[in-house]
Protein backbone atom coordinates (compact mmCIF):
# COMPACT_ATOMS: atom_id res chain seq x y z
CA MET A 1 -8.80 -46.57 10.55
CA LEU A 2 -10.54 -49.23 8.50
CA ARG A 3 -9.10 -50.18 5.13
CA TYR A 4 -11.79 -50.10 2.47
CA LEU A 5 -13.10 -53.61 1.72
CA SER A 6 -11.06 -55.24 4.48
CA LEU A 7 -12.76 -57.76 6.76
CA ALA A 8 -12.76 -55.13 9.53
CA TRP A 9 -14.54 -52.68 7.20
CA ILE A 10 -17.12 -55.33 6.26
CA GLU A 11 -17.66 -56.13 9.95
CA ALA A 12 -18.17 -52.43 10.78
CA LEU A 13 -20.81 -52.20 8.06
CA THR A 14 -22.38 -55.45 9.23
CA ASP A 15 -22.90 -53.88 12.65
CA ALA A 16 -24.10 -50.55 11.25
CA VAL A 17 -26.63 -52.19 8.91
CA ALA A 18 -27.94 -54.38 11.75
CA ALA A 19 -28.39 -51.27 13.90
CA SER A 20 -30.23 -49.25 11.24
CA PRO A 21 -33.94 -48.90 12.01
CA GLN A 22 -34.43 -47.28 8.58
CA LEU A 23 -33.04 -50.34 6.76
CA ALA A 24 -35.11 -52.69 8.92
CA ASP A 25 -38.23 -50.66 8.13
CA LEU A 26 -37.48 -50.68 4.39
CA ALA A 27 -36.84 -54.44 4.54
CA ARG A 28 -40.51 -54.88 5.44
CA SER A 29 -41.56 -53.63 2.00
CA HIS A 30 -38.50 -54.47 -0.13
CA ALA A 31 -36.80 -57.80 -0.67
CA ILE A 32 -33.47 -58.12 -2.46
CA GLY A 33 -30.23 -60.04 -2.26
CA ILE A 34 -27.20 -58.35 -3.81
CA THR A 35 -23.72 -59.72 -4.16
CA GLN A 36 -20.88 -57.31 -4.87
CA GLU A 37 -17.56 -58.62 -6.16
CA ILE A 38 -14.53 -56.33 -6.22
CA THR A 39 -11.54 -57.58 -8.19
CA ASP A 40 -7.86 -56.59 -8.28
CA GLY A 41 -7.78 -55.05 -4.80
CA PRO A 42 -4.97 -55.09 -2.24
CA GLU A 43 -6.50 -58.23 -0.71
CA GLY A 44 -7.37 -59.83 -4.04
CA THR A 45 -11.03 -60.36 -4.84
CA VAL A 46 -13.52 -59.36 -2.14
CA VAL A 47 -17.13 -60.53 -2.12
CA TYR A 48 -19.80 -59.12 0.17
CA HIS A 49 -23.57 -58.92 0.21
CA LEU A 50 -26.64 -57.01 1.27
CA GLN A 51 -29.77 -59.00 2.02
CA ALA A 52 -33.08 -57.28 2.76
CA GLY A 53 -36.52 -58.73 3.34
CA ASP A 54 -39.01 -59.82 5.98
CA GLY A 55 -38.19 -56.76 8.09
CA ARG A 56 -34.48 -57.54 8.32
CA ALA A 57 -31.44 -56.14 6.54
CA THR A 58 -28.05 -57.82 6.75
CA PHE A 59 -24.63 -57.07 5.32
CA GLY A 60 -21.62 -59.35 5.38
CA ALA A 61 -18.80 -61.20 3.69
CA GLY A 62 -19.64 -63.69 0.96
CA PRO A 63 -22.47 -63.89 -1.56
CA ALA A 64 -26.14 -63.16 -0.96
CA ASP A 65 -28.42 -66.14 -0.52
CA PRO A 66 -30.68 -65.92 -2.35
CA GLN A 67 -29.04 -63.59 -4.84
CA ASP A 68 -31.20 -61.43 -7.07
CA VAL A 69 -28.49 -59.15 -8.43
CA GLY A 70 -24.75 -59.40 -8.81
CA MET A 71 -22.33 -56.52 -9.37
CA ILE A 72 -18.73 -56.94 -10.45
CA GLU A 73 -16.21 -54.13 -10.62
CA ASP A 74 -12.51 -53.61 -10.18
CA TRP A 75 -10.81 -51.96 -7.21
CA ALA A 76 -10.24 -48.63 -8.99
CA THR A 77 -13.94 -48.34 -9.85
CA ALA A 78 -15.05 -49.30 -6.34
CA VAL A 79 -12.77 -46.68 -4.79
CA ALA A 80 -13.86 -44.02 -7.29
CA VAL A 81 -17.55 -44.65 -6.53
CA ALA A 82 -16.96 -44.86 -2.76
CA THR A 83 -15.06 -41.57 -2.70
CA GLY A 84 -17.44 -39.75 -5.02
CA THR A 85 -15.07 -39.19 -7.95
CA LEU A 86 -17.33 -41.40 -10.09
CA THR A 87 -21.08 -41.87 -9.70
CA ALA A 88 -22.50 -45.37 -9.67
CA GLN A 89 -24.70 -44.38 -12.61
CA GLU A 90 -21.64 -43.37 -14.67
CA ALA A 91 -19.92 -46.62 -13.74
CA PHE A 92 -22.95 -48.66 -14.87
CA VAL A 93 -23.39 -46.75 -18.13
CA THR A 94 -19.71 -47.03 -19.05
CA GLY A 95 -19.56 -50.73 -18.18
CA ARG A 96 -17.17 -50.32 -15.25
CA ILE A 97 -19.76 -52.03 -13.05
CA ARG A 98 -21.21 -55.16 -14.63
CA LEU A 99 -24.66 -56.28 -13.52
CA THR A 100 -26.14 -59.76 -13.53
CA GLY A 101 -29.53 -60.98 -12.43
CA ASP A 102 -32.89 -59.25 -12.05
CA GLN A 103 -32.19 -55.59 -12.69
CA SER A 104 -35.84 -54.66 -12.08
CA LYS A 105 -35.35 -55.71 -8.43
CA LEU A 106 -32.42 -53.30 -8.28
CA ILE A 107 -34.62 -50.45 -9.46
CA GLU A 108 -37.42 -51.38 -7.05
CA ALA A 109 -34.96 -51.37 -4.14
CA GLN A 110 -33.68 -47.82 -4.66
CA PRO A 111 -34.97 -46.69 -1.23
CA VAL A 112 -32.86 -49.46 0.36
CA PHE A 113 -29.76 -48.15 -1.44
CA ALA A 114 -30.47 -44.60 -0.32
CA ALA A 115 -30.61 -45.79 3.29
CA LEU A 116 -27.49 -47.90 2.78
CA SER A 117 -25.67 -44.80 1.53
CA SER A 118 -26.35 -43.17 4.90
CA VAL A 119 -24.83 -46.18 6.65
CA PHE A 120 -21.76 -46.03 4.39
CA ALA A 121 -21.46 -42.32 5.20
CA GLU A 122 -21.25 -43.19 8.91
CA ILE A 123 -18.27 -45.49 8.26
CA ALA A 124 -16.53 -43.31 5.63
CA PRO A 125 -14.71 -40.99 8.10
CA ARG A 126 -13.01 -44.08 9.56
CA THR A 127 -12.16 -45.56 6.15
CA GLU A 128 -8.92 -45.30 4.23
CA TYR A 129 -8.89 -46.09 0.52
CA ARG A 130 -5.46 -47.51 -0.20
């Protein structure tokens, strides 16, 4: 099992994103760098990124470079969104996820997030949220 937001979990997603032809295809028409920061987790603060553009999508530890959008949330919110007990939209509206940067890029990249959700779904059965 992979612990949610552990380095092993990030590495599994790194491999899955790299292997996704759908994300690579979308990265030909969408460009975005997103940094996600999760605070107050079992391993402290965790920072990871998704970078898409020029026909390539990557996922990994650390911030996006360049970064268009940043998202900050606490562990409880991240787990709730990941497990489906809270939608990302609800978390944004209620301020549980704080956004920085160019939010229009976030909206334009919705197809990338839909494809990324499929990749997360591949890893979810091997993920424990503790």
